Protein backbone atom coordinates (compact mmCIF):
# COMPACT_ATOMS: atom_id res chain seq x y z
CA UNK A 1 90.69 40.21 105.62
CA UNK A 2 90.32 37.38 103.10
CA UNK A 3 94.01 36.56 103.43
CA UNK A 4 93.69 36.32 107.21
CA UNK A 5 90.66 34.04 106.93
CA UNK A 6 92.37 31.78 104.41
CA UNK A 7 95.35 31.32 106.72
CA UNK A 8 93.51 30.78 110.01
CA UNK A 9 94.04 27.19 111.16
CA UNK A 10 90.59 26.93 112.74
CA UNK A 11 88.70 28.61 109.92
CA UNK A 12 85.68 26.64 108.67
CA UNK A 13 86.46 24.87 105.39
CA UNK A 14 83.59 26.54 103.55
CA UNK A 15 84.75 29.98 104.65
CA UNK A 16 88.34 29.16 103.68
CA UNK A 17 87.15 28.16 100.19
CA UNK A 18 85.22 31.42 99.89
CA UNK A 19 88.28 33.38 101.00
CA UNK A 20 90.54 31.65 98.48
CA UNK A 21 88.09 32.32 95.67
CA UNK A 22 87.77 35.97 96.72
CA UNK A 23 91.55 36.30 96.76
CA UNK A 24 91.84 34.77 93.29
CA UNK A 25 89.23 37.23 92.01
CA UNK A 26 90.89 40.16 93.75
CA UNK A 27 94.32 39.40 92.33
CA UNK A 28 92.99 38.72 88.85
CA UNK A 29 90.76 41.78 88.50
CA UNK A 30 91.97 44.39 90.95
CA UNK A 31 95.65 44.03 91.76
CA UNK A 32 96.32 42.45 88.32
CA UNK A 33 98.70 39.96 89.91
CA UNK A 34 97.87 36.98 87.74
CA UNK A 35 100.52 34.74 89.30
CA UNK A 36 99.03 35.19 92.78
CA UNK A 37 95.51 34.74 91.40
CA UNK A 38 96.64 31.48 89.80
CA UNK A 39 98.23 30.27 93.04
CA UNK A 40 95.03 30.93 95.01
CA UNK A 41 93.01 29.10 92.36
CA UNK A 42 95.41 26.14 92.51
CA UNK A 43 95.12 26.08 96.31
CA UNK A 44 91.36 26.06 95.92
CA UNK A 45 91.49 23.26 93.35
CA UNK A 46 93.37 21.10 95.87
CA UNK A 47 90.30 21.25 98.13
CA UNK A 48 88.10 18.23 97.32
CA UNK A 49 84.99 20.16 98.35
CA UNK A 50 85.64 23.05 95.95
CA UNK A 51 83.60 23.43 92.78
CA UNK A 52 86.26 22.00 90.47
CA UNK A 53 84.52 23.09 87.25
CA UNK A 54 84.36 26.69 88.42
CA UNK A 55 87.98 26.66 89.55
CA UNK A 56 89.18 25.08 86.30
CA UNK A 57 87.28 27.74 84.35
CA UNK A 58 89.12 30.43 86.34
CA UNK A 59 92.47 28.66 85.88
CA UNK A 60 91.93 28.36 82.12
CA UNK A 61 91.19 32.08 81.92
CA UNK A 62 94.24 32.91 84.02
CA UNK A 63 96.45 30.69 81.88
CA UNK A 64 95.23 32.48 78.74
CA UNK A 65 95.92 35.87 80.30
CA UNK A 66 99.36 34.77 81.47
CA UNK A 67 100.27 33.42 78.04
CA UNK A 68 99.06 36.64 76.37
CA UNK A 69 101.11 38.67 78.82
CA UNK A 70 104.16 36.56 77.97
CA UNK A 71 103.58 37.01 74.26
CA UNK A 72 103.51 40.81 74.69
CA UNK A 73 106.86 40.98 76.45
CA UNK A 74 109.58 42.37 74.17
CA UNK A 75 112.21 39.90 73.08
CA UNK A 76 115.68 40.59 74.48
CA UNK A 77 118.72 40.34 72.23
């Protein structure tokens, strides 16, 4: 439902921001798709009305998780 709201052309901006944040949270904590969570957070950051400090906090956390995930990948020969 959040995905549909975020993509509706006539969706109110405040509701679209809420949907994007919910999607970032969902992908970070539930589906564990950190790349998609990061993309939703970046989309949200592009919105001038978004709480930039809150979004940057989320992006920083996602970046740390992504870098840790990369560090845990086995090296290929």
